[in-house]
Protein backbone atom coordinates (compact mmCIF):
# COMPACT_ATOMS: atom_id res chain seq x y z
CA MET A 1 -84.08 -5.20 154.57
CA ALA A 2 -81.96 -5.55 151.32
CA TRP A 3 -82.73 -1.89 150.62
CA THR A 4 -81.45 -0.81 153.99
CA CYS A 5 -78.31 -2.91 153.55
CA SER A 6 -77.50 -1.45 150.13
CA GLN A 7 -77.79 1.85 151.34
CA GLN A 8 -75.48 1.24 154.12
CA THR A 9 -72.84 -1.01 152.36
CA GLY A 10 -73.38 0.28 148.67
CA ARG A 11 -73.64 -3.30 147.57
CA VAL A 12 -76.38 -5.39 146.29
CA ASN A 13 -76.33 -9.19 146.72
CA ARG A 14 -78.99 -11.18 145.00
CA HIS A 15 -79.93 -14.25 146.48
CA HIS A 16 -82.01 -17.36 144.93
CA ALA A 17 -85.33 -16.52 146.01
CA GLY A 18 -86.14 -20.16 146.31
CA GLY A 19 -89.09 -22.28 144.74
CA ARG A 20 -89.27 -25.79 143.65
CA GLN A 21 -85.91 -27.07 141.87
CA ARG A 22 -86.05 -28.66 138.41
CA ALA A 23 -84.27 -31.95 139.32
CA ILE A 24 -87.44 -34.18 139.29
CA THR A 25 -86.63 -36.10 135.97
CA THR A 26 -83.54 -37.69 135.11
CA ALA A 27 -81.47 -36.95 131.88
CA ALA A 28 -82.87 -40.15 130.13
CA GLN A 29 -86.33 -39.32 131.17
CA ASP A 30 -85.95 -35.72 129.58
CA ARG A 31 -84.55 -37.19 126.42
CA TYR A 32 -87.65 -39.76 126.43
CA LEU A 33 -89.89 -36.78 126.63
CA MET A 34 -88.06 -34.62 124.00
CA THR A 35 -88.18 -37.56 121.59
CA SER A 36 -91.70 -38.36 122.15
CA ALA A 37 -92.53 -34.61 121.46
CA ALA A 38 -90.66 -34.78 118.14
CA TRP A 39 -92.16 -37.81 117.10
CA ASP A 40 -95.70 -37.23 118.22
CA GLN A 41 -96.03 -33.44 117.80
CA ILE A 42 -99.61 -33.35 118.47
CA ALA A 43 -99.47 -35.16 121.78
CA ASN A 44 -100.59 -32.97 124.77
CA ALA A 45 -98.68 -32.88 128.13
CA THR A 46 -101.12 -35.45 129.48
CA ARG A 47 -100.50 -38.06 126.93
CA LEU A 48 -96.68 -37.33 127.23
CA GLN A 49 -96.98 -37.62 130.96
CA ARG A 50 -98.98 -41.01 130.57
CA ASN A 51 -96.33 -42.25 128.08
CA LEU A 52 -93.43 -41.82 130.47
CA ARG A 53 -95.20 -43.22 133.28
CA GLU A 54 -96.11 -46.45 131.16
CA ALA A 55 -92.38 -46.45 129.79
CA SER A 56 -90.52 -45.95 133.16
CA GLY A 57 -93.09 -45.95 135.94
CA THR A 58 -92.17 -42.49 136.89
CA SER A 59 -95.07 -40.11 137.68
CA ILE A 60 -94.48 -36.44 137.11
CA SER A 61 -97.03 -33.56 136.77
CA THR A 62 -97.83 -32.23 133.28
CA GLN A 63 -96.35 -28.87 134.38
CA THR A 64 -93.09 -30.67 134.76
CA VAL A 65 -93.57 -32.19 131.23
CA ARG A 66 -94.13 -28.83 130.06
CA ASN A 67 -91.15 -27.35 131.94
CA CYS A 68 -88.88 -30.10 130.56
CA LEU A 69 -89.93 -29.37 126.96
CA HIS A 70 -89.63 -25.82 127.31
CA ASP A 71 -85.90 -26.17 128.67
CA ALA A 72 -85.26 -28.15 125.33
CA GLY A 73 -86.67 -25.19 123.38
CA PHE A 74 -90.06 -26.75 122.44
CA ARG A 75 -93.36 -24.82 122.80
CA ALA A 76 -96.96 -25.67 122.17
CA ARG A 77 -98.13 -23.66 119.36
CA ARG A 78 -101.31 -23.71 117.13
CA PRO A 79 -100.41 -25.55 113.92
CA ALA A 80 -100.24 -24.01 110.61
CA VAL A 81 -102.92 -24.85 108.34
CA ARG A 82 -102.76 -25.67 104.52
CA VAL A 83 -104.49 -27.17 101.72
CA PRO A 84 -103.04 -30.83 101.22
CA LEU A 85 -100.69 -31.04 98.05
CA ILE A 86 -99.92 -34.19 96.64
CA GLY A 87 -96.50 -34.80 95.02
CA ARG A 88 -97.62 -33.72 91.52
CA HIS A 89 -98.69 -30.37 92.80
CA ARG A 90 -95.42 -29.70 94.47
CA GLN A 91 -93.79 -30.57 91.07
CA GLU A 92 -95.86 -28.38 89.18
CA ARG A 93 -95.39 -25.58 91.49
CA LEU A 94 -91.45 -26.01 91.18
CA GLN A 95 -91.49 -26.19 87.49
CA TRP A 96 -93.78 -23.06 87.14
CA CYS A 97 -90.92 -21.39 89.17
CA GLU A 98 -88.15 -22.68 87.13
CA ASP A 99 -90.06 -21.68 84.03
CA HIS A 100 -90.40 -17.96 85.33
CA VAL A 101 -87.03 -17.24 87.13
CA VAL A 102 -85.63 -15.49 84.20
CA TRP A 103 -88.58 -13.01 83.49
CA THR A 104 -87.88 -9.56 83.22
CA GLN A 105 -90.08 -6.67 84.95
CA ALA A 106 -91.60 -6.01 81.75
CA ASP A 107 -92.74 -9.51 81.57
CA TRP A 108 -94.21 -9.32 85.06
CA ALA A 109 -95.97 -5.87 84.16
CA SER A 110 -98.66 -7.90 82.25
CA VAL A 111 -99.57 -10.28 85.04
CA LEU A 112 -102.14 -10.02 87.52
CA PHE A 113 -101.93 -12.30 90.83
CA THR A 114 -105.14 -13.11 92.40
CA ASP A 115 -106.03 -15.01 95.42
CA GLU A 116 -109.10 -15.80 97.44
CA SER A 117 -109.83 -16.85 100.99
CA ARG A 118 -112.94 -18.37 102.61
CA PHE A 119 -113.54 -17.68 106.05
CA CYS A 120 -115.94 -20.01 107.70
CA PHE A 121 -118.02 -18.75 110.61
CA ASN A 122 -118.56 -22.13 112.20
CA PHE A 123 -115.12 -23.87 111.94
CA HIS A 124 -113.96 -25.24 115.21
CA ASP A 125 -110.41 -26.07 115.45
CA GLU A 126 -110.77 -27.51 119.08
CA ARG A 127 -107.31 -25.48 119.69
CA ASN A 128 -105.11 -28.28 119.09
CA LYS A 129 -101.45 -27.48 119.35
CA VAL A 130 -98.30 -28.95 118.36
CA TRP A 131 -94.99 -29.40 119.82
CA ARG A 132 -92.24 -27.47 117.82
CA ARG A 133 -89.06 -25.68 117.97
CA PRO A 134 -88.38 -22.14 116.65
CA ASN A 135 -88.32 -22.27 112.88
CA GLU A 136 -90.37 -25.52 112.38
CA ARG A 137 -93.86 -23.64 111.84
CA TYR A 138 -94.28 -25.01 108.23
CA CYS A 139 -92.55 -28.63 108.70
CA ASP A 140 -94.83 -31.10 107.43
CA THR A 141 -95.03 -32.73 110.95
CA THR A 142 -96.38 -29.53 112.54
CA VAL A 143 -98.86 -28.60 109.74
CA VAL A 144 -102.51 -29.56 109.95
CA GLU A 145 -103.96 -30.03 106.62
CA HIS A 146 -107.67 -28.88 106.24
CA ASP A 147 -109.60 -28.46 103.12
CA TRP A 148 -113.22 -29.05 104.35
CA TYR A 149 -115.67 -26.15 104.58
CA GLY A 150 -119.36 -26.10 105.59
CA GLY A 151 -121.94 -23.75 106.99
CA ARG A 152 -121.90 -20.00 106.32
CA SER A 153 -118.59 -18.28 105.12
CA VAL A 154 -117.45 -15.32 103.36
CA MET A 155 -115.10 -15.61 100.32
CA ALA A 156 -112.84 -12.85 99.86
CA TRP A 157 -111.06 -12.17 96.48
CA ALA A 158 -108.53 -9.59 95.23
CA GLY A 159 -105.54 -9.20 92.97
CA ILE A 160 -102.32 -7.18 92.53
CA SER A 161 -99.90 -6.40 89.80
CA LEU A 162 -97.03 -4.07 89.25
CA ARG A 163 -99.61 -1.51 88.13
CA GLY A 164 -101.93 -1.55 91.06
CA ARG A 165 -104.37 -3.73 92.82
CA THR A 166 -108.04 -4.63 92.45
CA ASP A 167 -110.73 -3.86 94.73
CA LEU A 168 -111.49 -6.39 97.31
CA SER A 169 -114.53 -8.39 96.76
CA LEU A 170 -116.64 -10.27 99.25
CA ILE A 171 -119.13 -12.93 98.72
CA GLU A 172 -121.31 -14.72 101.37
CA ILE A 173 -121.86 -18.30 100.98
CA THR A 174 -124.34 -20.40 102.83
CA HIS A 175 -124.20 -24.18 102.69
CA GLY A 176 -127.20 -26.37 103.68
């Protein structure tokens, strides 16, 4: 019908297609959900729903919780993973950077950067997610620290320098 009408009149009018309106929660309840998600970023929608019900007596669906947080710019994402660093580690890394900031290309030509990564075949992260806004991927509150490995794994090692790179080395490791 809209196509026929647009052919006859030359105009196209778009109408709201309907659907459920988003005015289920109040502004205060939306703020409560946003604050709760910011403070407890590993809380899933079910926990946030229960917290709101206990705080205000309002029962809403978990989808409404997600819609509210999406409207506020939050997304549920897999957390970044890193090895735990204590204050001394951070200070030593900063000191290393400050000591080498004045190096020339000739100084760096004699350096070989190496790295290794361990890939575990049986590690399961249970698909936990954190609520975060864009550009918060590496905030301390949105990162999961993990340094325990067990079972079968493969260690991959390689290096790079200004002159080239090493071959990739793979070592299979089996833990009992």
